[in-house]
Amino acid sequence: MHRPEKFWRTEPDAPFATLLRAVEAHCHPEAYDEAYEDLQSWARDADTEEMRVFKQELRAALRDPSQVPEGALSTAAQYGDGSDEKFLRRLWRDLYGDEPVDPEAG
């Protein structure tokens, strides 16, 4: 199914919408100066439903990046990592360090 560009802004229940909103707000080059650092703090300190959903969606995206609608991550982040998978791996590492993506694997 084709989704409109930046669908996560208007479809809050769309697949990966929480992840994409956070990525756009905190990882995009036009985000405010301390945005990425704020995301790191939020990931480390917050125990909210939104952060639980974000982490769950990030895990799912890492397990199978093809499940994220095509072009959505690159639009949200404008990353320079070369691929969705590389961006997602860097994001996980920056936010959660050595924590395993799959909690049962750790």
N, C-alpha and C. Protein backbone atom coordinates (compact mmCIF):
# COMPACT_ATOMS: atom_id res chain seq x y z
N MET A 1 0.83 -1.18 0.00
CA MET A 1 0.00 0.00 0.00
C MET A 1 0.88 1.24 0.00
N HIS A 2 0.62 2.14 -0.91
CA HIS A 2 1.37 3.39 -0.98
C HIS A 2 0.82 4.36 0.07
N ARG A 3 1.72 4.95 0.80
CA ARG A 3 1.33 5.94 1.82
C ARG A 3 1.85 7.30 1.39
N PRO A 4 1.12 8.35 1.76
CA PRO A 4 1.61 9.68 1.42
C PRO A 4 2.90 10.00 2.18
N GLU A 5 3.69 10.88 1.62
CA GLU A 5 4.92 11.29 2.28
C GLU A 5 4.59 11.84 3.66
N LYS A 6 5.39 11.49 4.62
CA LYS A 6 5.24 11.92 6.02
C LYS A 6 3.87 11.53 6.59
N PHE A 7 3.41 10.35 6.22
CA PHE A 7 2.12 9.84 6.69
C PHE A 7 2.05 9.76 8.21
N TRP A 8 3.19 9.59 8.86
CA TRP A 8 3.23 9.44 10.32
C TRP A 8 2.74 10.68 11.04
N ARG A 9 2.71 11.81 10.34
CA ARG A 9 2.19 13.04 10.95
C ARG A 9 0.67 13.03 11.05
N THR A 10 0.02 12.38 10.11
CA THR A 10 -1.44 12.40 10.07
C THR A 10 -2.09 11.07 10.41
N GLU A 11 -1.29 10.02 10.47
CA GLU A 11 -1.80 8.68 10.79
C GLU A 11 -1.07 8.15 12.02
N PRO A 12 -1.47 8.58 13.20
CA PRO A 12 -0.73 8.20 14.41
C PRO A 12 -0.70 6.71 14.69
N ASP A 13 -1.63 5.96 14.14
CA ASP A 13 -1.65 4.51 14.37
C ASP A 13 -1.05 3.72 13.21
N ALA A 14 -0.47 4.41 12.25
CA ALA A 14 0.16 3.72 11.12
C ALA A 14 1.38 2.95 11.61
N PRO A 15 1.75 1.90 10.89
CA PRO A 15 2.94 1.14 11.29
C PRO A 15 4.17 2.05 11.39
N PHE A 16 4.87 1.93 12.50
CA PHE A 16 6.12 2.64 12.75
C PHE A 16 5.94 4.16 12.89
N ALA A 17 4.72 4.61 13.10
CA ALA A 17 4.48 6.06 13.21
C ALA A 17 5.21 6.68 14.39
N THR A 18 5.23 6.00 15.52
CA THR A 18 5.92 6.55 16.70
C THR A 18 7.41 6.66 16.43
N LEU A 19 7.99 5.62 15.88
CA LEU A 19 9.41 5.64 15.52
C LEU A 19 9.70 6.78 14.55
N LEU A 20 8.91 6.89 13.52
CA LEU A 20 9.16 7.89 12.48
C LEU A 20 8.98 9.31 13.00
N ARG A 21 8.00 9.53 13.87
CA ARG A 21 7.82 10.87 14.45
C ARG A 21 9.03 11.24 15.29
N ALA A 22 9.51 10.31 16.09
CA ALA A 22 10.68 10.59 16.93
C ALA A 22 11.92 10.81 16.08
N VAL A 23 12.09 10.00 15.06
CA VAL A 23 13.25 10.15 14.18
C VAL A 23 13.21 11.51 13.48
N GLU A 24 12.05 11.89 12.98
CA GLU A 24 11.95 13.18 12.31
C GLU A 24 12.23 14.33 13.28
N ALA A 25 11.69 14.23 14.47
CA ALA A 25 11.84 15.31 15.45
C ALA A 25 13.25 15.42 16.01
N HIS A 26 13.97 14.29 16.06
CA HIS A 26 15.26 14.28 16.77
C HIS A 26 16.47 13.95 15.91
N CYS A 27 16.28 13.36 14.75
CA CYS A 27 17.42 12.92 13.93
C CYS A 27 17.56 13.70 12.63
N HIS A 28 16.54 14.35 12.19
CA HIS A 28 16.57 15.10 10.94
C HIS A 28 17.55 16.26 11.08
N PRO A 29 18.29 16.58 10.02
CA PRO A 29 19.27 17.67 10.11
C PRO A 29 18.67 19.03 10.47
N GLU A 30 17.39 19.21 10.22
CA GLU A 30 16.76 20.49 10.55
C GLU A 30 16.14 20.50 11.94
N ALA A 31 16.33 19.43 12.70
CA ALA A 31 15.84 19.40 14.08
C ALA A 31 16.64 20.42 14.89
N TYR A 32 16.10 20.81 16.02
CA TYR A 32 16.78 21.79 16.87
C TYR A 32 18.14 21.25 17.33
N ASP A 33 18.99 22.14 17.79
CA ASP A 33 20.40 21.83 18.05
C ASP A 33 20.63 20.65 18.98
N GLU A 34 19.90 20.53 20.03
CA GLU A 34 20.14 19.46 21.01
C GLU A 34 19.17 18.29 20.84
N ALA A 35 18.55 18.19 19.70
CA ALA A 35 17.50 17.19 19.50
C ALA A 35 18.00 15.76 19.69
N TYR A 36 19.12 15.42 19.09
CA TYR A 36 19.61 14.04 19.18
C TYR A 36 19.99 13.70 20.62
N GLU A 37 20.60 14.64 21.29
CA GLU A 37 20.96 14.43 22.69
C GLU A 37 19.71 14.26 23.55
N ASP A 38 18.67 15.02 23.23
CA ASP A 38 17.41 14.88 23.96
C ASP A 38 16.81 13.49 23.73
N LEU A 39 16.90 12.99 22.51
CA LEU A 39 16.40 11.65 22.23
C LEU A 39 17.19 10.62 23.03
N GLN A 40 18.48 10.79 23.10
CA GLN A 40 19.31 9.86 23.89
C GLN A 40 18.90 9.89 25.36
N SER A 41 18.68 11.06 25.90
CA SER A 41 18.24 11.18 27.30
C SER A 41 16.87 10.56 27.49
N TRP A 42 15.98 10.85 26.57
CA TRP A 42 14.61 10.32 26.64
C TRP A 42 14.65 8.79 26.62
N ALA A 43 15.45 8.24 25.73
CA ALA A 43 15.54 6.78 25.62
C ALA A 43 16.11 6.16 26.89
N ARG A 44 17.03 6.84 27.50
CA ARG A 44 17.70 6.32 28.69
C ARG A 44 16.83 6.47 29.94
N ASP A 45 16.10 7.57 30.03
CA ASP A 45 15.43 7.92 31.28
C ASP A 45 13.92 7.72 31.29
N ALA A 46 13.30 7.78 30.15
CA ALA A 46 11.84 7.79 30.13
C ALA A 46 11.26 6.39 30.21
N ASP A 47 10.25 6.27 31.01
CA ASP A 47 9.49 5.02 31.08
C ASP A 47 8.03 5.38 30.82
N THR A 48 7.78 5.73 29.58
CA THR A 48 6.43 6.14 29.17
C THR A 48 5.92 5.17 28.11
N GLU A 49 4.64 5.20 27.90
CA GLU A 49 4.05 4.36 26.85
C GLU A 49 4.64 4.71 25.49
N GLU A 50 4.82 6.00 25.23
CA GLU A 50 5.38 6.41 23.94
C GLU A 50 6.79 5.85 23.75
N MET A 51 7.61 5.88 24.80
CA MET A 51 8.97 5.35 24.67
C MET A 51 8.95 3.83 24.53
N ARG A 52 8.04 3.17 25.21
CA ARG A 52 7.93 1.71 25.04
C ARG A 52 7.56 1.36 23.59
N VAL A 53 6.62 2.12 23.03
CA VAL A 53 6.21 1.89 21.64
C VAL A 53 7.38 2.20 20.70
N PHE A 54 8.07 3.31 20.95
CA PHE A 54 9.23 3.68 20.14
C PHE A 54 10.25 2.54 20.11
N LYS A 55 10.60 2.05 21.28
CA LYS A 55 11.61 0.99 21.37
C LYS A 55 11.13 -0.30 20.71
N GLN A 56 9.87 -0.62 20.89
CA GLN A 56 9.30 -1.80 20.25
C GLN A 56 9.35 -1.66 18.73
N GLU A 57 8.99 -0.49 18.22
CA GLU A 57 9.02 -0.27 16.77
C GLU A 57 10.45 -0.26 16.25
N LEU A 58 11.38 0.30 17.01
CA LEU A 58 12.78 0.29 16.59
C LEU A 58 13.29 -1.15 16.53
N ARG A 59 12.95 -1.94 17.52
CA ARG A 59 13.35 -3.36 17.50
C ARG A 59 12.77 -4.07 16.27
N ALA A 60 11.50 -3.84 16.00
CA ALA A 60 10.86 -4.49 14.85
C ALA A 60 11.51 -4.04 13.55
N ALA A 61 11.83 -2.77 13.45
CA ALA A 61 12.48 -2.25 12.24
C ALA A 61 13.87 -2.85 12.07
N LEU A 62 14.58 -3.04 13.16
CA LEU A 62 15.90 -3.65 13.09
C LEU A 62 15.82 -5.12 12.68
N ARG A 63 14.82 -5.81 13.18
CA ARG A 63 14.66 -7.23 12.81
C ARG A 63 14.37 -7.39 11.32
N ASP A 64 13.58 -6.45 10.78
CA ASP A 64 13.21 -6.53 9.37
C ASP A 64 12.95 -5.13 8.83
N PRO A 65 14.01 -4.44 8.40
CA PRO A 65 13.85 -3.07 7.91
C PRO A 65 12.87 -2.93 6.75
N SER A 66 12.64 -4.01 6.02
CA SER A 66 11.71 -3.93 4.88
C SER A 66 10.27 -3.72 5.33
N GLN A 67 9.99 -3.90 6.61
CA GLN A 67 8.63 -3.69 7.11
C GLN A 67 8.29 -2.20 7.26
N VAL A 68 9.32 -1.37 7.36
CA VAL A 68 9.09 0.08 7.43
C VAL A 68 8.75 0.55 6.02
N PRO A 69 7.67 1.31 5.87
CA PRO A 69 7.29 1.75 4.52
C PRO A 69 8.48 2.37 3.77
N GLU A 70 8.59 1.98 2.52
CA GLU A 70 9.72 2.40 1.69
C GLU A 70 9.89 3.92 1.67
N GLY A 71 11.09 4.35 1.94
CA GLY A 71 11.43 5.77 1.89
C GLY A 71 11.10 6.55 3.15
N ALA A 72 10.37 5.94 4.07
CA ALA A 72 9.92 6.68 5.26
C ALA A 72 11.09 7.08 6.16
N LEU A 73 11.99 6.16 6.43
CA LEU A 73 13.12 6.49 7.30
C LEU A 73 14.03 7.54 6.69
N SER A 74 14.31 7.41 5.41
CA SER A 74 15.19 8.40 4.78
C SER A 74 14.52 9.77 4.73
N THR A 75 13.21 9.81 4.57
CA THR A 75 12.50 11.08 4.60
C THR A 75 12.51 11.67 6.00
N ALA A 76 12.26 10.84 6.99
CA ALA A 76 12.19 11.32 8.37
C ALA A 76 13.54 11.77 8.89
N ALA A 77 14.60 11.06 8.52
CA ALA A 77 15.91 11.33 9.12
C ALA A 77 16.89 12.05 8.20
N GLN A 78 16.71 11.91 6.90
CA GLN A 78 17.70 12.44 5.96
C GLN A 78 19.10 11.96 6.35
N TYR A 79 19.18 10.68 6.71
CA TYR A 79 20.44 10.12 7.20
C TYR A 79 21.49 10.02 6.10
N GLY A 80 22.73 9.94 6.53
CA GLY A 80 23.84 9.75 5.61
C GLY A 80 24.50 8.40 5.78
N ASP A 81 23.79 7.47 6.39
CA ASP A 81 24.37 6.17 6.71
C ASP A 81 24.42 5.23 5.51
N GLY A 82 23.66 5.51 4.48
CA GLY A 82 23.70 4.67 3.29
C GLY A 82 22.54 3.71 3.15
N SER A 83 21.93 3.31 4.25
CA SER A 83 20.78 2.40 4.17
C SER A 83 19.96 2.51 5.45
N ASP A 84 18.71 2.09 5.35
CA ASP A 84 17.86 2.07 6.54
C ASP A 84 18.48 1.23 7.64
N GLU A 85 18.98 0.06 7.26
CA GLU A 85 19.54 -0.85 8.25
C GLU A 85 20.73 -0.22 8.99
N LYS A 86 21.61 0.42 8.27
CA LYS A 86 22.77 1.06 8.91
C LYS A 86 22.32 2.19 9.83
N PHE A 87 21.36 2.98 9.37
CA PHE A 87 20.83 4.05 10.22
C PHE A 87 20.21 3.48 11.49
N LEU A 88 19.39 2.45 11.35
CA LEU A 88 18.72 1.86 12.50
C LEU A 88 19.72 1.26 13.49
N ARG A 89 20.75 0.61 12.98
CA ARG A 89 21.77 0.04 13.87
C ARG A 89 22.51 1.13 14.64
N ARG A 90 22.84 2.22 13.94
CA ARG A 90 23.51 3.33 14.62
C ARG A 90 22.59 3.95 15.67
N LEU A 91 21.33 4.12 15.31
CA LEU A 91 20.38 4.70 16.24
C LEU A 91 20.27 3.83 17.49
N TRP A 92 20.12 2.52 17.31
CA TRP A 92 20.03 1.61 18.46
C TRP A 92 21.29 1.73 19.33
N ARG A 93 22.44 1.68 18.70
CA ARG A 93 23.71 1.75 19.44
C ARG A 93 23.81 3.07 20.20
N ASP A 94 23.44 4.17 19.56
CA ASP A 94 23.51 5.47 20.22
C ASP A 94 22.54 5.59 21.38
N LEU A 95 21.39 4.94 21.26
CA LEU A 95 20.37 5.06 22.30
C LEU A 95 20.51 4.00 23.39
N TYR A 96 20.88 2.79 23.01
CA TYR A 96 20.83 1.68 23.96
C TYR A 96 22.16 0.94 24.14
N GLY A 97 23.21 1.45 23.51
CA GLY A 97 24.53 0.86 23.69
C GLY A 97 24.58 -0.60 23.29
N ASP A 98 25.06 -1.42 24.20
CA ASP A 98 25.23 -2.85 23.93
C ASP A 98 24.01 -3.69 24.27
N GLU A 99 22.92 -3.04 24.66
CA GLU A 99 21.70 -3.80 24.96
C GLU A 99 21.29 -4.58 23.73
N PRO A 100 21.00 -5.87 23.88
CA PRO A 100 20.60 -6.65 22.70
C PRO A 100 19.27 -6.16 22.13
N VAL A 101 19.16 -6.19 20.83
CA VAL A 101 17.91 -5.82 20.17
C VAL A 101 16.82 -6.80 20.58
N ASP A 102 17.17 -8.07 20.62
CA ASP A 102 16.24 -9.10 21.03
C ASP A 102 16.46 -9.38 22.52
N PRO A 103 15.53 -8.97 23.38
CA PRO A 103 15.76 -9.12 24.82
C PRO A 103 16.01 -10.56 25.26
N GLU A 104 15.45 -11.53 24.54
CA GLU A 104 15.66 -12.93 24.91
C GLU A 104 17.07 -13.40 24.56
N ALA A 105 17.73 -12.68 23.65
CA ALA A 105 19.07 -13.08 23.23
C ALA A 105 20.13 -12.64 24.23
N GLY A 106 19.79 -11.67 25.08
CA GLY A 106 20.78 -11.12 26.00
C GLY A 106 20.88 -11.92 27.22
